[in-house]
Amino acid sequence: MGFWDFFSGLFTGVAMPHRSGTRQINKIIVHNSDSEWGNAAIIDGWHRERGWSGIGYHFVILNGFQQNRGFYAGSEDGVVEDGRPLHKAGAHVKGENDDSIGICLIGKHHFSPEQLLQSLPKLLRRLLREYNLRAEDALFGHRDFSSHKTCPNFEVRHLLPLLEE
């Protein structure tokens, strides 16, 4: 049990720093892979090819297509894979990685109902609760930080009604 974990248990209902290991978490940023197929291991390879230390996202949500020109595997649609460990800063939005968690949806412009309506909201609810964040203040798309980006190719704020418990 970490220092903040101990004290946050003592002060239930009191705003404590939102920490993951030693990182303070203030934002959850949603991305898309800009590919119609893939998984965390493939993205890890793509990011290493760019000279990074590994996958920049903390989570990857699959769409059922893990290989280029592969067959659809329904049992893999909506599966959430771990990426970079949460205690490590991501590499997903320049200047915003130190206090954020990055989630990548496999896809370009079309996402499965399983990804968008089931897995992503479930993961977001868990992270918002775990880090004591309000979706209205903490949830963003990559495009919210760069006028040159369209990622994740949908308005993340439209997910807010799905996050109500």
Protein backbone atom coordinates (compact mmCIF):
# COMPACT_ATOMS: atom_id res chain seq x y z
CA MET A 1 0.00 0.00 0.00
CA GLY A 2 1.41 3.37 -1.04
CA PHE A 3 1.53 6.59 0.91
CA TRP A 4 -1.51 8.13 -0.85
CA ASP A 5 -3.48 4.89 -0.73
CA PHE A 6 -3.16 4.83 3.05
CA PHE A 7 -4.26 8.44 3.53
CA SER A 8 -7.04 8.38 0.94
CA GLY A 9 -8.62 5.54 2.93
CA LEU A 10 -8.60 7.71 6.06
CA PHE A 11 -10.27 10.67 4.42
CA THR A 12 -13.14 9.17 2.45
CA GLY A 13 -14.92 11.89 0.50
CA VAL A 14 -11.98 14.29 0.76
CA ALA A 15 -10.29 15.16 -2.53
CA MET A 16 -6.85 13.56 -2.57
CA PRO A 17 -4.27 13.69 -5.36
CA HIS A 18 -5.19 11.28 -8.15
CA ARG A 19 -2.12 9.07 -8.25
CA SER A 20 -0.97 6.04 -10.18
CA GLY A 21 2.17 4.93 -8.41
CA THR A 22 3.94 8.26 -8.19
CA ARG A 23 2.06 9.89 -11.10
CA GLN A 24 -0.79 12.29 -10.55
CA ILE A 25 -3.62 11.52 -12.99
CA ASN A 26 -5.84 14.40 -14.12
CA LYS A 27 -6.85 13.36 -17.65
CA ILE A 28 -7.98 10.35 -19.64
CA ILE A 29 -7.32 10.77 -23.35
CA VAL A 30 -9.00 8.62 -26.00
CA HIS A 31 -7.27 7.82 -29.30
CA ASN A 32 -7.76 5.63 -32.34
CA SER A 33 -5.11 3.49 -34.00
CA ASP A 34 -5.74 4.93 -37.49
CA SER A 35 -5.68 1.34 -38.73
CA GLU A 36 -8.55 -1.09 -39.21
CA TRP A 37 -6.66 -3.88 -37.41
CA GLY A 38 -4.15 -4.39 -34.63
CA ASN A 39 -3.61 -5.06 -30.95
CA ALA A 40 -1.32 -3.88 -28.14
CA ALA A 41 1.62 -6.01 -29.31
CA ILE A 42 1.40 -4.68 -32.87
CA ILE A 43 1.16 -1.07 -31.67
CA ASP A 44 4.13 -1.74 -29.38
CA GLY A 45 6.10 -2.78 -32.48
CA TRP A 46 4.98 0.29 -34.44
CA HIS A 47 6.02 2.59 -31.60
CA ARG A 48 9.41 0.85 -31.19
CA GLU A 49 9.98 1.34 -34.94
CA ARG A 50 9.58 5.09 -34.27
CA GLY A 51 12.34 4.90 -31.66
CA TRP A 52 10.07 4.95 -28.61
CA SER A 53 10.63 2.66 -25.64
CA GLY A 54 7.39 0.78 -26.40
CA ILE A 55 3.66 1.25 -26.67
CA GLY A 56 2.59 4.75 -25.69
CA TYR A 57 -0.99 3.89 -24.69
CA HIS A 58 -1.99 2.41 -21.35
CA PHE A 59 -4.92 0.46 -22.81
CA VAL A 60 -5.94 -0.80 -26.26
CA ILE A 61 -9.52 -1.82 -27.09
CA LEU A 62 -9.69 -4.38 -29.89
CA ASN A 63 -12.20 -4.48 -32.75
CA GLY A 64 -11.89 -8.17 -33.63
CA PHE A 65 -9.39 -7.67 -36.46
CA GLN A 66 -5.87 -8.29 -35.17
CA GLN A 67 -4.11 -8.89 -38.50
CA ASN A 68 -4.07 -6.98 -41.78
CA ARG A 69 -6.61 -8.69 -44.06
CA GLY A 70 -7.40 -11.01 -41.18
CA PHE A 71 -10.68 -12.60 -40.31
CA TYR A 72 -13.04 -11.07 -37.81
CA ALA A 73 -12.87 -12.76 -34.41
CA GLY A 74 -16.01 -11.76 -32.53
CA SER A 75 -14.62 -13.06 -29.26
CA GLU A 76 -11.86 -10.43 -29.50
CA ASP A 77 -14.16 -7.48 -30.30
CA GLY A 78 -14.15 -5.15 -27.32
CA VAL A 79 -11.34 -6.92 -25.49
CA VAL A 80 -9.29 -4.45 -23.43
CA GLU A 81 -5.56 -5.13 -23.55
CA ASP A 82 -3.00 -3.58 -21.23
CA GLY A 83 -0.37 -1.40 -22.81
CA ARG A 84 2.16 0.71 -20.96
CA PRO A 85 1.99 0.21 -17.18
CA LEU A 86 -0.14 2.87 -15.47
CA HIS A 87 2.69 3.93 -13.16
CA LYS A 88 4.67 5.06 -16.23
CA ALA A 89 3.88 8.22 -18.20
CA GLY A 90 2.44 7.46 -21.60
CA ALA A 91 3.65 8.58 -25.00
CA HIS A 92 0.37 9.52 -26.65
CA VAL A 93 -0.08 13.34 -26.56
CA LYS A 94 2.88 15.69 -26.72
CA GLY A 95 3.03 17.75 -23.53
CA GLU A 96 0.13 15.92 -21.83
CA ASN A 97 1.60 12.53 -20.90
CA ASP A 98 2.79 13.11 -17.35
CA ASP A 99 -0.68 13.36 -15.79
CA SER A 100 -2.82 11.36 -18.21
CA ILE A 101 -3.90 7.87 -19.16
CA GLY A 102 -4.06 7.01 -22.86
CA ILE A 103 -6.66 4.64 -24.31
CA CYS A 104 -6.50 3.55 -27.97
CA LEU A 105 -9.43 2.12 -29.92
CA ILE A 106 -8.42 -0.05 -32.86
CA GLY A 107 -10.03 1.52 -35.93
CA LYS A 108 -10.03 4.62 -38.15
CA HIS A 109 -13.49 6.08 -38.62
CA HIS A 110 -15.70 3.14 -37.67
CA PHE A 111 -15.77 1.41 -34.32
CA SER A 112 -17.81 -1.56 -33.20
CA PRO A 113 -20.73 -1.18 -30.79
CA GLU A 114 -18.82 -3.48 -28.45
CA GLN A 115 -15.87 -1.06 -28.39
CA LEU A 116 -17.84 2.20 -28.13
CA LEU A 117 -20.92 1.23 -26.16
CA GLN A 118 -19.59 -1.49 -23.85
CA SER A 119 -15.82 -1.75 -23.33
CA LEU A 120 -14.80 1.92 -23.54
CA PRO A 121 -17.53 3.19 -21.15
CA LYS A 122 -16.83 0.34 -18.71
CA LEU A 123 -13.09 1.11 -18.69
CA LEU A 124 -13.72 4.86 -18.39
CA ARG A 125 -16.12 4.39 -15.46
CA ARG A 126 -13.52 2.25 -13.69
CA LEU A 127 -10.69 4.75 -14.24
CA LEU A 128 -12.80 7.78 -13.32
CA ARG A 129 -13.85 6.07 -10.09
CA GLU A 130 -10.33 4.80 -9.31
CA TYR A 131 -8.75 8.24 -9.77
CA ASN A 132 -11.68 10.21 -8.34
CA LEU A 133 -12.14 12.19 -11.57
CA ARG A 134 -15.22 13.82 -13.06
CA ALA A 135 -15.75 12.86 -16.70
CA GLU A 136 -16.73 16.44 -17.59
CA ASP A 137 -13.33 17.68 -16.41
CA ALA A 138 -11.04 14.78 -17.20
CA LEU A 139 -12.18 13.09 -20.43
CA PHE A 140 -10.65 14.20 -23.75
CA GLY A 141 -9.94 13.08 -27.27
CA HIS A 142 -6.46 13.50 -28.74
CA ARG A 143 -7.85 16.16 -31.05
CA ASP A 144 -8.70 18.34 -28.05
CA PHE A 145 -4.97 19.03 -27.69
CA SER A 146 -4.00 19.65 -31.32
CA SER A 147 -5.81 21.44 -34.12
CA HIS A 148 -3.94 19.20 -36.58
CA LYS A 149 -5.46 16.00 -35.16
CA THR A 150 -8.87 14.40 -35.71
CA CYS A 151 -8.17 11.42 -33.45
CA PRO A 152 -10.22 9.59 -32.25
CA ASN A 153 -12.49 10.72 -35.11
CA PHE A 154 -15.53 11.22 -32.90
CA GLU A 155 -16.52 13.68 -30.18
CA VAL A 156 -15.51 12.02 -26.91
CA ARG A 157 -17.95 14.22 -24.94
CA HIS A 158 -20.81 12.29 -26.60
CA LEU A 159 -19.84 9.38 -24.33
CA LEU A 160 -20.81 11.28 -21.17
CA PRO A 161 -24.37 9.85 -20.95
CA LEU A 162 -22.90 6.32 -21.12
CA LEU A 163 -20.73 7.04 -18.10
CA GLU A 164 -23.55 7.75 -15.68
CA GLU A 165 -23.93 4.92 -13.20
